[in-house]
Amino acid sequence: WREKRKERPIEFSVLEAMWEALSGGVTAIGVFWILEGYGVNELA
């Protein structure tokens, strides 16, 4: 949002922010489960 705002005025969208947060959380959990399945160290 900050990068796009430099080019042209753009409003902050709470809905898009929530979508990015939710997709980030789901992606993180999915990647964590995949790595756990392969036996990667938990902290890594």
ModelCIF file with pLDDT and N, C-alpha, C, O atoms, coordinates in Angstrom:
data_MODEL
#
_entry.id   MODEL 
#
_entity.id                         1 
_entity.type                       polymer 
_entity.pdbx_number_of_molecules   1 
#
_entity_poly.entity_id                      1 
_entity_poly.type                           'polypeptide(L)' 
_entity_poly.nstd_linkage                   no 
_entity_poly.nstd_monomer                   no 
_entity_poly.pdbx_seq_one_letter_code       WREKRKERPIEFSVLEAMWEALSGGVTAIGVFWILEGYGVNELA 
_entity_poly.pdbx_seq_one_letter_code_can   WREKRKERPIEFSVLEAMWEALSGGVTAIGVFWILEGYGVNELA 
_entity_poly.pdbx_strand_id                 A 
#
loop_
_entity_poly_seq.entity_id 
_entity_poly_seq.num 
_entity_poly_seq.mon_id 
_entity_poly_seq.hetero 
1 1  TRP n 
1 2  ARG n 
1 3  GLU n 
1 4  LYS n 
1 5  ARG n 
1 6  LYS n 
1 7  GLU n 
1 8  ARG n 
1 9  PRO n 
1 10 ILE n 
1 11 GLU n 
1 12 PHE n 
1 13 SER n 
1 14 VAL n 
1 15 LEU n 
1 16 GLU n 
1 17 ALA n 
1 18 MET n 
1 19 TRP n 
1 20 GLU n 
1 21 ALA n 
1 22 LEU n 
1 23 SER n 
1 24 GLY n 
1 25 GLY n 
1 26 VAL n 
1 27 THR n 
1 28 ALA n 
1 29 ILE n 
1 30 GLY n 
1 31 VAL n 
1 32 PHE n 
1 33 TRP n 
1 34 ILE n 
1 35 LEU n 
1 36 GLU n 
1 37 GLY n 
1 38 TYR n 
1 39 GLY n 
1 40 VAL n 
1 41 ASN n 
1 42 GLU n 
1 43 LEU n 
1 44 ALA n 
#
_struct_asym.id          A 
_struct_asym.entity_id   1 
#
loop_
_ma_qa_metric.id 
_ma_qa_metric.mode 
_ma_qa_metric.name 
_ma_qa_metric.software_group_id 
_ma_qa_metric.type 
1 global pLDDT . pLDDT 
2 local  pLDDT . pLDDT 
#
_ma_qa_metric_global.metric_id      1 
_ma_qa_metric_global.metric_value   87.73 
_ma_qa_metric_global.model_id       1 
_ma_qa_metric_global.ordinal_id     1 
#
loop_
_ma_qa_metric_local.label_asym_id 
_ma_qa_metric_local.label_comp_id 
_ma_qa_metric_local.label_seq_id 
_ma_qa_metric_local.metric_id 
_ma_qa_metric_local.metric_value 
_ma_qa_metric_local.model_id 
_ma_qa_metric_local.ordinal_id 
A TRP 1  2 88.00 1 1  
A ARG 2  2 89.00 1 2  
A GLU 3  2 88.00 1 3  
A LYS 4  2 86.00 1 4  
A ARG 5  2 87.00 1 5  
A LYS 6  2 87.00 1 6  
A GLU 7  2 86.00 1 7  
A ARG 8  2 87.00 1 8  
A PRO 9  2 86.00 1 9  
A ILE 10 2 85.00 1 10 
A GLU 11 2 90.00 1 11 
A PHE 12 2 88.00 1 12 
A SER 13 2 88.00 1 13 
A VAL 14 2 90.00 1 14 
A LEU 15 2 90.00 1 15 
A GLU 16 2 88.00 1 16 
A ALA 17 2 88.00 1 17 
A MET 18 2 90.00 1 18 
A TRP 19 2 87.00 1 19 
A GLU 20 2 86.00 1 20 
A ALA 21 2 87.00 1 21 
A LEU 22 2 88.00 1 22 
A SER 23 2 86.00 1 23 
A GLY 24 2 87.00 1 24 
A GLY 25 2 88.00 1 25 
A VAL 26 2 87.00 1 26 
A THR 27 2 87.00 1 27 
A ALA 28 2 88.00 1 28 
A ILE 29 2 88.00 1 29 
A GLY 30 2 88.00 1 30 
A VAL 31 2 88.00 1 31 
A PHE 32 2 88.00 1 32 
A TRP 33 2 87.00 1 33 
A ILE 34 2 90.00 1 34 
A LEU 35 2 89.00 1 35 
A GLU 36 2 86.00 1 36 
A GLY 37 2 88.00 1 37 
A TYR 38 2 91.00 1 38 
A GLY 39 2 89.00 1 39 
A VAL 40 2 90.00 1 40 
A ASN 41 2 88.00 1 41 
A GLU 42 2 83.00 1 42 
A LEU 43 2 85.00 1 43 
A ALA 44 2 90.00 1 44 
#
loop_
_atom_site.group_PDB 
_atom_site.id 
_atom_site.type_symbol 
_atom_site.label_atom_id 
_atom_site.label_alt_id 
_atom_site.label_comp_id 
_atom_site.label_asym_id 
_atom_site.label_entity_id 
_atom_site.label_seq_id 
_atom_site.pdbx_PDB_ins_code 
_atom_site.Cartn_x 
_atom_site.Cartn_y 
_atom_site.Cartn_z 
_atom_site.occupancy 
_atom_site.B_iso_or_equiv 
_atom_site.pdbx_formal_charge 
_atom_site.auth_seq_id 
_atom_site.auth_comp_id 
_atom_site.auth_asym_id 
_atom_site.auth_atom_id 
_atom_site.pdbx_PDB_model_num 
ATOM 1   N N  . TRP A 1 1  ? 0.826   -1.205  0.000  1.00 88.00 ? 1  TRP A N  1 
ATOM 2   C CA . TRP A 1 1  ? 0.000   0.000   0.000  1.00 88.00 ? 1  TRP A CA 1 
ATOM 3   C C  . TRP A 1 1  ? 0.862   1.256   0.000  1.00 88.00 ? 1  TRP A C  1 
ATOM 4   O O  . TRP A 1 1  ? 0.567   2.220   -0.706 1.00 88.00 ? 1  TRP A O  1 
ATOM 5   N N  . ARG A 1 2  ? 1.923   1.240   0.792  1.00 89.00 ? 2  ARG A N  1 
ATOM 6   C CA . ARG A 1 2  ? 2.810   2.404   0.852  1.00 89.00 ? 2  ARG A CA 1 
ATOM 7   C C  . ARG A 1 2  ? 3.506   2.636   -0.479 1.00 89.00 ? 2  ARG A C  1 
ATOM 8   O O  . ARG A 1 2  ? 3.687   3.781   -0.893 1.00 89.00 ? 2  ARG A O  1 
ATOM 9   N N  . GLU A 1 3  ? 3.904   1.542   -1.165 1.00 88.00 ? 3  GLU A N  1 
ATOM 10  C CA . GLU A 1 3  ? 4.536   1.676   -2.475 1.00 88.00 ? 3  GLU A CA 1 
ATOM 11  C C  . GLU A 1 3  ? 3.556   2.212   -3.515 1.00 88.00 ? 3  GLU A C  1 
ATOM 12  O O  . GLU A 1 3  ? 3.919   3.075   -4.314 1.00 88.00 ? 3  GLU A O  1 
ATOM 13  N N  . LYS A 1 4  ? 2.325   1.715   -3.516 1.00 86.00 ? 4  LYS A N  1 
ATOM 14  C CA . LYS A 1 4  ? 1.314   2.176   -4.470 1.00 86.00 ? 4  LYS A CA 1 
ATOM 15  C C  . LYS A 1 4  ? 0.924   3.627   -4.199 1.00 86.00 ? 4  LYS A C  1 
ATOM 16  O O  . LYS A 1 4  ? 0.621   4.379   -5.125 1.00 86.00 ? 4  LYS A O  1 
ATOM 17  N N  . ARG A 1 5  ? 0.934   4.010   -2.939 1.00 87.00 ? 5  ARG A N  1 
ATOM 18  C CA . ARG A 1 5  ? 0.550   5.369   -2.559 1.00 87.00 ? 5  ARG A CA 1 
ATOM 19  C C  . ARG A 1 5  ? 1.551   6.393   -3.081 1.00 87.00 ? 5  ARG A C  1 
ATOM 20  O O  . ARG A 1 5  ? 1.190   7.550   -3.296 1.00 87.00 ? 5  ARG A O  1 
ATOM 21  N N  . LYS A 1 6  ? 2.791   5.992   -3.285 1.00 87.00 ? 6  LYS A N  1 
ATOM 22  C CA . LYS A 1 6  ? 3.789   6.915   -3.834 1.00 87.00 ? 6  LYS A CA 1 
ATOM 23  C C  . LYS A 1 6  ? 3.455   7.280   -5.275 1.00 87.00 ? 6  LYS A C  1 
ATOM 24  O O  . LYS A 1 6  ? 3.704   8.405   -5.707 1.00 87.00 ? 6  LYS A O  1 
ATOM 25  N N  . GLU A 1 7  ? 2.888   6.327   -6.024 1.00 86.00 ? 7  GLU A N  1 
ATOM 26  C CA . GLU A 1 7  ? 2.564   6.563   -7.429 1.00 86.00 ? 7  GLU A CA 1 
ATOM 27  C C  . GLU A 1 7  ? 1.307   7.417   -7.586 1.00 86.00 ? 7  GLU A C  1 
ATOM 28  O O  . GLU A 1 7  ? 1.283   8.353   -8.385 1.00 86.00 ? 7  GLU A O  1 
ATOM 29  N N  . ARG A 1 8  ? 0.263   7.090   -6.822 1.00 87.00 ? 8  ARG A N  1 
ATOM 30  C CA . ARG A 1 8  ? -0.996  7.820   -6.903 1.00 87.00 ? 8  ARG A CA 1 
ATOM 31  C C  . ARG A 1 8  ? -1.703  7.695   -5.564 1.00 87.00 ? 8  ARG A C  1 
ATOM 32  O O  . ARG A 1 8  ? -1.448  6.751   -4.816 1.00 87.00 ? 8  ARG A O  1 
ATOM 33  N N  . PRO A 1 9  ? -2.593  8.640   -5.249 1.00 86.00 ? 9  PRO A N  1 
ATOM 34  C CA . PRO A 1 9  ? -3.325  8.553   -3.975 1.00 86.00 ? 9  PRO A CA 1 
ATOM 35  C C  . PRO A 1 9  ? -4.246  7.336   -3.969 1.00 86.00 ? 9  PRO A C  1 
ATOM 36  O O  . PRO A 1 9  ? -5.037  7.145   -4.893 1.00 86.00 ? 9  PRO A O  1 
ATOM 37  N N  . ILE A 1 10 ? -4.143  6.533   -2.950 1.00 85.00 ? 10 ILE A N  1 
ATOM 38  C CA . ILE A 1 10 ? -4.960  5.327   -2.834 1.00 85.00 ? 10 ILE A CA 1 
ATOM 39  C C  . ILE A 1 10 ? -5.377  5.183   -1.369 1.00 85.00 ? 10 ILE A C  1 
ATOM 40  O O  . ILE A 1 10 ? -4.588  5.422   -0.454 1.00 85.00 ? 10 ILE A O  1 
ATOM 41  N N  . GLU A 1 11 ? -6.629  4.788   -1.171 1.00 90.00 ? 11 GLU A N  1 
ATOM 42  C CA . GLU A 1 11 ? -7.133  4.629   0.190  1.00 90.00 ? 11 GLU A CA 1 
ATOM 43  C C  . GLU A 1 11 ? -6.715  3.284   0.767  1.00 90.00 ? 11 GLU A C  1 
ATOM 44  O O  . GLU A 1 11 ? -6.540  2.301   0.046  1.00 90.00 ? 11 GLU A O  1 
ATOM 45  N N  . PHE A 1 12 ? -6.564  3.269   2.072  1.00 88.00 ? 12 PHE A N  1 
ATOM 46  C CA . PHE A 1 12 ? -6.263  2.027   2.782  1.00 88.00 ? 12 PHE A CA 1 
ATOM 47  C C  . PHE A 1 12 ? -7.545  1.197   2.861  1.00 88.00 ? 12 PHE A C  1 
ATOM 48  O O  . PHE A 1 12 ? -8.566  1.676   3.354  1.00 88.00 ? 12 PHE A O  1 
ATOM 49  N N  . SER A 1 13 ? -7.494  -0.042  2.377  1.00 88.00 ? 13 SER A N  1 
ATOM 50  C CA . SER A 1 13 ? -8.664  -0.909  2.374  1.00 88.00 ? 13 SER A CA 1 
ATOM 51  C C  . SER A 1 13 ? -8.548  -1.934  3.509  1.00 88.00 ? 13 SER A C  1 
ATOM 52  O O  . SER A 1 13 ? -7.659  -2.786  3.496  1.00 88.00 ? 13 SER A O  1 
ATOM 53  N N  . VAL A 1 14 ? -9.440  -1.843  4.473  1.00 90.00 ? 14 VAL A N  1 
ATOM 54  C CA . VAL A 1 14 ? -9.432  -2.774  5.594  1.00 90.00 ? 14 VAL A CA 1 
ATOM 55  C C  . VAL A 1 14 ? -9.752  -4.186  5.110  1.00 90.00 ? 14 VAL A C  1 
ATOM 56  O O  . VAL A 1 14 ? -9.181  -5.157  5.608  1.00 90.00 ? 14 VAL A O  1 
ATOM 57  N N  . LEU A 1 15 ? -10.661 -4.304  4.142  1.00 90.00 ? 15 LEU A N  1 
ATOM 58  C CA . LEU A 1 15 ? -11.033 -5.619  3.617  1.00 90.00 ? 15 LEU A CA 1 
ATOM 59  C C  . LEU A 1 15 ? -9.841  -6.298  2.942  1.00 90.00 ? 15 LEU A C  1 
ATOM 60  O O  . LEU A 1 15 ? -9.590  -7.481  3.171  1.00 90.00 ? 15 LEU A O  1 
ATOM 61  N N  . GLU A 1 16 ? -9.109  -5.557  2.116  1.00 88.00 ? 16 GLU A N  1 
ATOM 62  C CA . GLU A 1 16 ? -7.927  -6.131  1.476  1.00 88.00 ? 16 GLU A CA 1 
ATOM 63  C C  . GLU A 1 16 ? -6.848  -6.468  2.501  1.00 88.00 ? 16 GLU A C  1 
ATOM 64  O O  . GLU A 1 16 ? -6.157  -7.478  2.364  1.00 88.00 ? 16 GLU A O  1 
ATOM 65  N N  . ALA A 1 17 ? -6.699  -5.638  3.518  1.00 88.00 ? 17 ALA A N  1 
ATOM 66  C CA . ALA A 1 17 ? -5.713  -5.911  4.565  1.00 88.00 ? 17 ALA A CA 1 
ATOM 67  C C  . ALA A 1 17 ? -6.069  -7.188  5.317  1.00 88.00 ? 17 ALA A C  1 
ATOM 68  O O  . ALA A 1 17 ? -5.199  -8.004  5.621  1.00 88.00 ? 17 ALA A O  1 
ATOM 69  N N  . MET A 1 18 ? -7.368  -7.354  5.617  1.00 90.00 ? 18 MET A N  1 
ATOM 70  C CA . MET A 1 18 ? -7.791  -8.585  6.306  1.00 90.00 ? 18 MET A CA 1 
ATOM 71  C C  . MET A 1 18 ? -7.583  -9.801  5.409  1.00 90.00 ? 18 MET A C  1 
ATOM 72  O O  . MET A 1 18 ? -7.188  -10.862 5.893  1.00 90.00 ? 18 MET A O  1 
ATOM 73  N N  . TRP A 1 19 ? -7.844  -9.662  4.112  1.00 87.00 ? 19 TRP A N  1 
ATOM 74  C CA . TRP A 1 19 ? -7.645  -10.774 3.181  1.00 87.00 ? 19 TRP A CA 1 
ATOM 75  C C  . TRP A 1 19 ? -6.171  -11.164 3.124  1.00 87.00 ? 19 TRP A C  1 
ATOM 76  O O  . TRP A 1 19 ? -5.845  -12.350 3.166  1.00 87.00 ? 19 TRP A O  1 
ATOM 77  N N  . GLU A 1 20 ? -5.282  -10.185 3.031  1.00 86.00 ? 20 GLU A N  1 
ATOM 78  C CA . GLU A 1 20 ? -3.846  -10.480 3.004  1.00 86.00 ? 20 GLU A CA 1 
ATOM 79  C C  . GLU A 1 20 ? -3.398  -11.135 4.309  1.00 86.00 ? 20 GLU A C  1 
ATOM 80  O O  . GLU A 1 20 ? -2.588  -12.062 4.292  1.00 86.00 ? 20 GLU A O  1 
ATOM 81  N N  . ALA A 1 21 ? -3.917  -10.662 5.430  1.00 87.00 ? 21 ALA A N  1 
ATOM 82  C CA . ALA A 1 21 ? -3.559  -11.247 6.723  1.00 87.00 ? 21 ALA A CA 1 
ATOM 83  C C  . ALA A 1 21 ? -4.041  -12.689 6.805  1.00 87.00 ? 21 ALA A C  1 
ATOM 84  O O  . ALA A 1 21 ? -3.300  -13.570 7.240  1.00 87.00 ? 21 ALA A O  1 
ATOM 85  N N  . LEU A 1 22 ? -5.284  -12.933 6.387  1.00 88.00 ? 22 LEU A N  1 
ATOM 86  C CA . LEU A 1 22 ? -5.828  -14.291 6.431  1.00 88.00 ? 22 LEU A CA 1 
ATOM 87  C C  . LEU A 1 22 ? -5.081  -15.224 5.485  1.00 88.00 ? 22 LEU A C  1 
ATOM 88  O O  . LEU A 1 22 ? -4.762  -16.353 5.855  1.00 88.00 ? 22 LEU A O  1 
ATOM 89  N N  . SER A 1 23 ? -4.804  -14.768 4.282  1.00 86.00 ? 23 SER A N  1 
ATOM 90  C CA . SER A 1 23 ? -4.085  -15.635 3.342  1.00 86.00 ? 23 SER A CA 1 
ATOM 91  C C  . SER A 1 23 ? -2.658  -15.886 3.816  1.00 86.00 ? 23 SER A C  1 
ATOM 92  O O  . SER A 1 23 ? -2.110  -16.966 3.595  1.00 86.00 ? 23 SER A O  1 
ATOM 93  N N  . GLY A 1 24 ? -2.050  -14.889 4.471  1.00 87.00 ? 24 GLY A N  1 
ATOM 94  C CA . GLY A 1 24 ? -0.716  -15.097 5.035  1.00 87.00 ? 24 GLY A CA 1 
ATOM 95  C C  . GLY A 1 24 ? -0.726  -16.132 6.146  1.00 87.00 ? 24 GLY A C  1 
ATOM 96  O O  . GLY A 1 24 ? 0.175   -16.968 6.229  1.00 87.00 ? 24 GLY A O  1 
ATOM 97  N N  . GLY A 1 25 ? -1.748  -16.080 7.008  1.00 88.00 ? 25 GLY A N  1 
ATOM 98  C CA . GLY A 1 25 ? -1.857  -17.063 8.090  1.00 88.00 ? 25 GLY A CA 1 
ATOM 99  C C  . GLY A 1 25 ? -2.069  -18.477 7.565  1.00 88.00 ? 25 GLY A C  1 
ATOM 100 O O  . GLY A 1 25 ? -1.441  -19.423 8.041  1.00 88.00 ? 25 GLY A O  1 
ATOM 101 N N  . VAL A 1 26 ? -2.950  -18.618 6.587  1.00 87.00 ? 26 VAL A N  1 
ATOM 102 C CA . VAL A 1 26 ? -3.216  -19.944 6.010  1.00 87.00 ? 26 VAL A CA 1 
ATOM 103 C C  . VAL A 1 26 ? -1.981  -20.470 5.280  1.00 87.00 ? 26 VAL A C  1 
ATOM 104 O O  . VAL A 1 26 ? -1.654  -21.653 5.373  1.00 87.00 ? 26 VAL A O  1 
ATOM 105 N N  . THR A 1 27 ? -1.298  -19.585 4.553  1.00 87.00 ? 27 THR A N  1 
ATOM 106 C CA . THR A 1 27 ? -0.074  -19.987 3.858  1.00 87.00 ? 27 THR A CA 1 
ATOM 107 C C  . THR A 1 27 ? 0.983   -20.449 4.854  1.00 87.00 ? 27 THR A C  1 
ATOM 108 O O  . THR A 1 27 ? 1.642   -21.465 4.636  1.00 87.00 ? 27 THR A O  1 
ATOM 109 N N  . ALA A 1 28 ? 1.145   -19.708 5.940  1.00 88.00 ? 28 ALA A N  1 
ATOM 110 C CA . ALA A 1 28 ? 2.154   -20.073 6.942  1.00 88.00 ? 28 ALA A CA 1 
ATOM 111 C C  . ALA A 1 28 ? 1.858   -21.429 7.562  1.00 88.00 ? 28 ALA A C  1 
ATOM 112 O O  . ALA A 1 28 ? 2.761   -22.246 7.737  1.00 88.00 ? 28 ALA A O  1 
ATOM 113 N N  . ILE A 1 29 ? 0.590   -21.669 7.895  1.00 88.00 ? 29 ILE A N  1 
ATOM 114 C CA . ILE A 1 29 ? 0.240   -22.960 8.494  1.00 88.00 ? 29 ILE A CA 1 
ATOM 115 C C  . ILE A 1 29 ? 0.444   -24.086 7.491  1.00 88.00 ? 29 ILE A C  1 
ATOM 116 O O  . ILE A 1 29 ? 0.949   -25.150 7.849  1.00 88.00 ? 29 ILE A O  1 
ATOM 117 N N  . GLY A 1 30 ? 0.057   -23.863 6.240  1.00 88.00 ? 30 GLY A N  1 
ATOM 118 C CA . GLY A 1 30 ? 0.234   -24.892 5.213  1.00 88.00 ? 30 GLY A CA 1 
ATOM 119 C C  . GLY A 1 30 ? 1.692   -25.229 4.982  1.00 88.00 ? 30 GLY A C  1 
ATOM 120 O O  . GLY A 1 30 ? 2.057   -26.402 4.900  1.00 88.00 ? 30 GLY A O  1 
ATOM 121 N N  . VAL A 1 31 ? 2.527   -24.207 4.876  1.00 88.00 ? 31 VAL A N  1 
ATOM 122 C CA . VAL A 1 31 ? 3.961   -24.445 4.675  1.00 88.00 ? 31 VAL A CA 1 
ATOM 123 C C  . VAL A 1 31 ? 4.553   -25.129 5.901  1.00 88.00 ? 31 VAL A C  1 
ATOM 124 O O  . VAL A 1 31 ? 5.399   -26.014 5.767  1.00 88.00 ? 31 VAL A O  1 
ATOM 125 N N  . PHE A 1 32 ? 4.124   -24.735 7.084  1.00 88.00 ? 32 PHE A N  1 
ATOM 126 C CA . PHE A 1 32 ? 4.627   -25.375 8.307  1.00 88.00 ? 32 PHE A CA 1 
ATOM 127 C C  . PHE A 1 32 ? 4.280   -26.860 8.326  1.00 88.00 ? 32 PHE A C  1 
ATOM 128 O O  . PHE A 1 32 ? 5.129   -27.689 8.651  1.00 88.00 ? 32 PHE A O  1 
ATOM 129 N N  . TRP A 1 33 ? 3.030   -27.206 7.979  1.00 87.00 ? 33 TRP A N  1 
ATOM 130 C CA . TRP A 1 33 ? 2.638   -28.619 7.959  1.00 87.00 ? 33 TRP A CA 1 
ATOM 131 C C  . TRP A 1 33 ? 3.429   -29.410 6.926  1.00 87.00 ? 33 TRP A C  1 
ATOM 132 O O  . TRP A 1 33 ? 3.826   -30.546 7.186  1.00 87.00 ? 33 TRP A O  1 
ATOM 133 N N  . ILE A 1 34 ? 3.658   -28.825 5.771  1.00 90.00 ? 34 ILE A N  1 
ATOM 134 C CA . ILE A 1 34 ? 4.438   -29.510 4.737  1.00 90.00 ? 34 ILE A CA 1 
ATOM 135 C C  . ILE A 1 34 ? 5.858   -29.764 5.232  1.00 90.00 ? 34 ILE A C  1 
ATOM 136 O O  . ILE A 1 34 ? 6.385   -30.865 5.071  1.00 90.00 ? 34 ILE A O  1 
ATOM 137 N N  . LEU A 1 35 ? 6.479   -28.748 5.836  1.00 89.00 ? 35 LEU A N  1 
ATOM 138 C CA . LEU A 1 35 ? 7.840   -28.916 6.337  1.00 89.00 ? 35 LEU A CA 1 
ATOM 139 C C  . LEU A 1 35 ? 7.892   -29.901 7.492  1.00 89.00 ? 35 LEU A C  1 
ATOM 140 O O  . LEU A 1 35 ? 8.854   -30.661 7.609  1.00 89.00 ? 35 LEU A O  1 
ATOM 141 N N  . GLU A 1 36 ? 6.876   -29.903 8.347  1.00 86.00 ? 36 GLU A N  1 
ATOM 142 C CA . GLU A 1 36 ? 6.824   -30.883 9.438  1.00 86.00 ? 36 GLU A CA 1 
ATOM 143 C C  . GLU A 1 36 ? 6.715   -32.302 8.874  1.00 86.00 ? 36 GLU A C  1 
ATOM 144 O O  . GLU A 1 36 ? 7.309   -33.239 9.408  1.00 86.00 ? 36 GLU A O  1 
ATOM 145 N N  . GLY A 1 37 ? 5.960   -32.447 7.805  1.00 88.00 ? 37 GLY A N  1 
ATOM 146 C CA . GLY A 1 37 ? 5.826   -33.754 7.170  1.00 88.00 ? 37 GLY A CA 1 
ATOM 147 C C  . GLY A 1 37 ? 7.147   -34.281 6.634  1.00 88.00 ? 37 GLY A C  1 
ATOM 148 O O  . GLY A 1 37 ? 7.385   -35.489 6.618  1.00 88.00 ? 37 GLY A O  1 
ATOM 149 N N  . TYR A 1 38 ? 8.005   -33.364 6.196  1.00 91.00 ? 38 TYR A N  1 
ATOM 150 C CA . TYR A 1 38 ? 9.325   -33.761 5.706  1.00 91.00 ? 38 TYR A CA 1 
ATOM 151 C C  . TYR A 1 38 ? 10.353  -33.880 6.824  1.00 91.00 ? 38 TYR A C  1 
ATOM 152 O O  . TYR A 1 38 ? 11.504  -34.236 6.572  1.00 91.00 ? 38 TYR A O  1 
ATOM 153 N N  . GLY A 1 39 ? 9.951   -33.589 8.043  1.00 89.00 ? 39 GLY A N  1 
ATOM 154 C CA . GLY A 1 39 ? 10.839  -33.762 9.192  1.00 89.00 ? 39 GLY A CA 1 
ATOM 155 C C  . GLY A 1 39 ? 11.839  -32.636 9.391  1.00 89.00 ? 39 GLY A C  1 
ATOM 156 O O  . GLY A 1 39 ? 12.895  -32.844 9.988  1.00 89.00 ? 39 GLY A O  1 
ATOM 157 N N  . VAL A 1 40 ? 11.520  -31.446 8.899  1.00 90.00 ? 40 VAL A N  1 
ATOM 158 C CA . VAL A 1 40 ? 12.401  -30.291 9.078  1.00 90.00 ? 40 VAL A CA 1 
ATOM 159 C C  . VAL A 1 40 ? 12.324  -29.843 10.544 1.00 90.00 ? 40 VAL A C  1 
ATOM 160 O O  . VAL A 1 40 ? 11.280  -29.969 11.184 1.00 90.00 ? 40 VAL A O  1 
ATOM 161 N N  . ASN A 1 41 ? 13.421  -29.328 11.057 1.00 88.00 ? 41 ASN A N  1 
ATOM 162 C CA . ASN A 1 41 ? 13.480  -28.803 12.424 1.00 88.00 ? 41 ASN A CA 1 
ATOM 163 C C  . ASN A 1 41 ? 12.347  -27.798 12.625 1.00 88.00 ? 41 ASN A C  1 
ATOM 164 O O  . ASN A 1 41 ? 12.053  -26.999 11.736 1.00 88.00 ? 41 ASN A O  1 
ATOM 165 N N  . GLU A 1 42 ? 11.710  -27.842 13.802 1.00 83.00 ? 42 GLU A N  1 
ATOM 166 C CA . GLU A 1 42 ? 10.549  -26.987 14.070 1.00 83.00 ? 42 GLU A CA 1 
ATOM 167 C C  . GLU A 1 42 ? 10.866  -25.501 13.956 1.00 83.00 ? 42 GLU A C  1 
ATOM 168 O O  . GLU A 1 42 ? 10.090  -24.747 13.370 1.00 83.00 ? 42 GLU A O  1 
ATOM 169 N N  . LEU A 1 43 ? 11.996  -25.072 14.509 1.00 85.00 ? 43 LEU A N  1 
ATOM 170 C CA . LEU A 1 43 ? 12.339  -23.650 14.462 1.00 85.00 ? 43 LEU A CA 1 
ATOM 171 C C  . LEU A 1 43 ? 12.620  -23.192 13.043 1.00 85.00 ? 43 LEU A C  1 
ATOM 172 O O  . LEU A 1 43 ? 12.238  -22.086 12.661 1.00 85.00 ? 43 LEU A O  1 
ATOM 173 N N  . ALA A 1 44 ? 13.282  -24.029 12.257 1.00 90.00 ? 44 ALA A N  1 
ATOM 174 C CA . ALA A 1 44 ? 13.522  -23.688 10.857 1.00 90.00 ? 44 ALA A CA 1 
ATOM 175 C C  . ALA A 1 44 ? 12.198  -23.637 10.098 1.00 90.00 ? 44 ALA A C  1 
ATOM 176 O O  . ALA A 1 44 ? 12.185  -23.365 8.897  1.00 90.00 ? 44 ALA A O  1 
#
